[in-house]
């Protein structure tokens, strides 16, 4: 075989795939809203534990 011992590198980006960097989602959520939502869930669970203790 004539191609024995040869290594072929992929063309383009060196084998790396690039995806669209400006992905547009239907849901645009601000990071501070996510943090507020998490804090609200934690507060809700703590209030439930105060009114309905387990064990």
N, C-alpha and C. Protein backbone atom coordinates (compact mmCIF):
# COMPACT_ATOMS: atom_id res chain seq x y z
N UNK A 1 0.84 -1.18 0.00
CA UNK A 1 0.00 0.00 0.00
C UNK A 1 0.89 1.24 0.00
N UNK A 2 0.48 2.20 -0.75
CA UNK A 2 1.29 3.40 -0.91
C UNK A 2 1.15 4.37 0.26
N UNK A 3 0.04 4.32 1.01
CA UNK A 3 -0.22 5.29 2.07
C UNK A 3 0.19 4.80 3.46
N UNK A 4 0.94 3.76 3.57
CA UNK A 4 1.32 3.25 4.88
C UNK A 4 2.27 4.22 5.57
N UNK A 5 2.02 4.47 6.86
CA UNK A 5 2.88 5.34 7.63
C UNK A 5 2.57 6.82 7.53
N UNK A 6 1.62 7.19 6.70
CA UNK A 6 1.26 8.60 6.58
C UNK A 6 0.11 8.93 7.53
N UNK A 7 0.18 10.11 8.09
CA UNK A 7 -0.87 10.58 8.99
C UNK A 7 -1.54 11.78 8.34
N UNK A 8 -2.84 11.73 8.26
CA UNK A 8 -3.59 12.83 7.67
C UNK A 8 -4.30 13.60 8.78
N UNK A 9 -4.07 14.88 8.83
CA UNK A 9 -4.72 15.74 9.82
C UNK A 9 -6.04 16.25 9.23
N UNK A 10 -7.06 16.40 10.09
CA UNK A 10 -8.32 16.95 9.58
C UNK A 10 -8.15 18.42 9.20
N UNK A 11 -8.85 18.81 8.19
CA UNK A 11 -8.75 20.19 7.73
C UNK A 11 -9.60 21.13 8.56
N UNK A 12 -9.45 22.39 8.31
CA UNK A 12 -10.32 23.38 8.98
C UNK A 12 -9.84 23.74 10.36
N UNK A 13 -10.63 23.41 11.36
CA UNK A 13 -10.38 23.83 12.73
C UNK A 13 -9.58 22.80 13.52
N UNK A 14 -8.83 21.98 12.89
CA UNK A 14 -8.02 21.00 13.60
C UNK A 14 -8.85 19.93 14.28
N UNK A 15 -9.99 19.59 13.72
CA UNK A 15 -10.84 18.57 14.30
C UNK A 15 -11.83 19.10 15.31
N UNK A 16 -11.75 20.38 15.67
CA UNK A 16 -12.69 20.95 16.63
C UNK A 16 -13.93 21.45 15.89
N UNK A 17 -15.06 21.25 16.52
CA UNK A 17 -16.31 21.71 15.91
C UNK A 17 -16.70 23.03 16.55
N UNK A 18 -17.16 23.93 15.75
CA UNK A 18 -17.64 25.22 16.27
C UNK A 18 -19.14 25.28 16.07
N UNK A 19 -19.79 25.74 17.10
CA UNK A 19 -21.23 25.93 17.03
C UNK A 19 -21.52 27.42 17.05
N UNK A 20 -22.72 27.77 16.75
CA UNK A 20 -23.10 29.17 16.73
C UNK A 20 -22.92 29.75 18.13
N UNK A 21 -22.10 30.77 18.25
CA UNK A 21 -21.79 31.33 19.55
C UNK A 21 -22.89 32.25 20.05
N UNK A 22 -23.74 32.73 19.18
CA UNK A 22 -24.82 33.60 19.58
C UNK A 22 -26.12 32.83 19.53
N UNK A 23 -26.28 31.94 20.50
CA UNK A 23 -27.48 31.12 20.58
C UNK A 23 -28.61 31.96 21.15
N UNK A 24 -29.73 32.00 20.46
CA UNK A 24 -30.87 32.78 20.92
C UNK A 24 -31.95 31.83 21.41
N UNK A 25 -32.24 31.93 22.70
CA UNK A 25 -33.23 31.08 23.31
C UNK A 25 -34.55 31.83 23.47
N UNK A 26 -35.61 31.09 23.63
CA UNK A 26 -36.90 31.72 23.89
C UNK A 26 -36.93 32.32 25.30
N UNK A 27 -36.19 31.71 26.21
CA UNK A 27 -36.18 32.13 27.60
C UNK A 27 -34.87 32.84 27.89
N UNK A 28 -34.93 34.15 28.00
CA UNK A 28 -33.74 34.92 28.37
C UNK A 28 -33.87 35.29 29.84
N UNK A 29 -33.11 34.61 30.70
CA UNK A 29 -33.21 34.80 32.14
C UNK A 29 -31.93 35.48 32.61
N UNK A 30 -32.11 36.55 33.35
CA UNK A 30 -30.98 37.27 33.92
C UNK A 30 -30.40 36.46 35.08
N UNK A 31 -29.09 36.41 35.23
CA UNK A 31 -28.49 35.63 36.34
C UNK A 31 -28.98 36.05 37.72
N UNK A 32 -29.26 37.34 37.91
CA UNK A 32 -29.73 37.76 39.24
C UNK A 32 -31.13 37.22 39.52
N UNK A 33 -31.93 37.02 38.47
CA UNK A 33 -33.25 36.42 38.68
C UNK A 33 -33.13 34.95 39.09
N UNK A 34 -32.16 34.27 38.55
CA UNK A 34 -31.94 32.87 38.94
C UNK A 34 -31.54 32.79 40.41
N UNK A 35 -30.65 33.68 40.84
CA UNK A 35 -30.20 33.68 42.23
C UNK A 35 -31.37 34.03 43.16
N UNK A 36 -32.18 35.00 42.77
CA UNK A 36 -33.35 35.37 43.58
C UNK A 36 -34.32 34.20 43.68
N UNK A 37 -34.52 33.48 42.59
CA UNK A 37 -35.41 32.33 42.58
C UNK A 37 -34.90 31.23 43.51
N UNK A 38 -33.60 30.97 43.50
CA UNK A 38 -33.02 29.95 44.37
C UNK A 38 -33.16 30.35 45.83
N UNK A 39 -32.89 31.62 46.16
CA UNK A 39 -33.03 32.10 47.53
C UNK A 39 -34.49 32.01 47.98
N UNK A 40 -35.43 32.29 47.08
CA UNK A 40 -36.85 32.20 47.42
C UNK A 40 -37.24 30.75 47.71
N UNK A 41 -36.72 29.81 46.96
CA UNK A 41 -37.02 28.39 47.21
C UNK A 41 -36.45 27.97 48.56
N UNK A 42 -35.23 28.39 48.87
CA UNK A 42 -34.62 28.05 50.16
C UNK A 42 -35.44 28.64 51.31
N UNK A 43 -35.88 29.89 51.16
CA UNK A 43 -36.70 30.53 52.20
C UNK A 43 -38.03 29.80 52.35
N UNK A 44 -38.62 29.39 51.25
CA UNK A 44 -39.89 28.66 51.30
C UNK A 44 -39.73 27.33 52.03
N UNK A 45 -38.66 26.62 51.78
CA UNK A 45 -38.42 25.34 52.45
C UNK A 45 -38.18 25.57 53.94
N UNK A 46 -37.45 26.61 54.31
CA UNK A 46 -37.22 26.91 55.72
C UNK A 46 -38.52 27.26 56.44
N UNK A 47 -39.38 28.03 55.78
CA UNK A 47 -40.68 28.37 56.38
C UNK A 47 -41.53 27.12 56.55
N UNK A 48 -41.52 26.24 55.56
CA UNK A 48 -42.26 24.99 55.69
C UNK A 48 -41.73 24.15 56.85
N UNK A 49 -40.42 24.13 57.04
CA UNK A 49 -39.83 23.38 58.15
C UNK A 49 -40.19 23.99 59.49
N UNK A 50 -40.39 25.29 59.56
CA UNK A 50 -40.81 25.92 60.81
C UNK A 50 -42.25 25.57 61.16
N UNK A 51 -43.14 25.60 60.18
CA UNK A 51 -44.55 25.34 60.43
C UNK A 51 -44.89 23.86 60.48
N UNK A 52 -44.17 23.05 59.74
CA UNK A 52 -44.43 21.60 59.69
C UNK A 52 -43.12 20.84 59.92
N UNK A 53 -42.66 20.78 61.17
CA UNK A 53 -41.39 20.08 61.43
C UNK A 53 -41.51 18.58 61.18
N UNK A 54 -40.43 18.01 60.70
CA UNK A 54 -40.39 16.58 60.40
C UNK A 54 -39.70 15.89 61.56
N UNK A 55 -40.38 14.94 62.17
CA UNK A 55 -39.80 14.14 63.25
C UNK A 55 -39.83 14.84 64.52
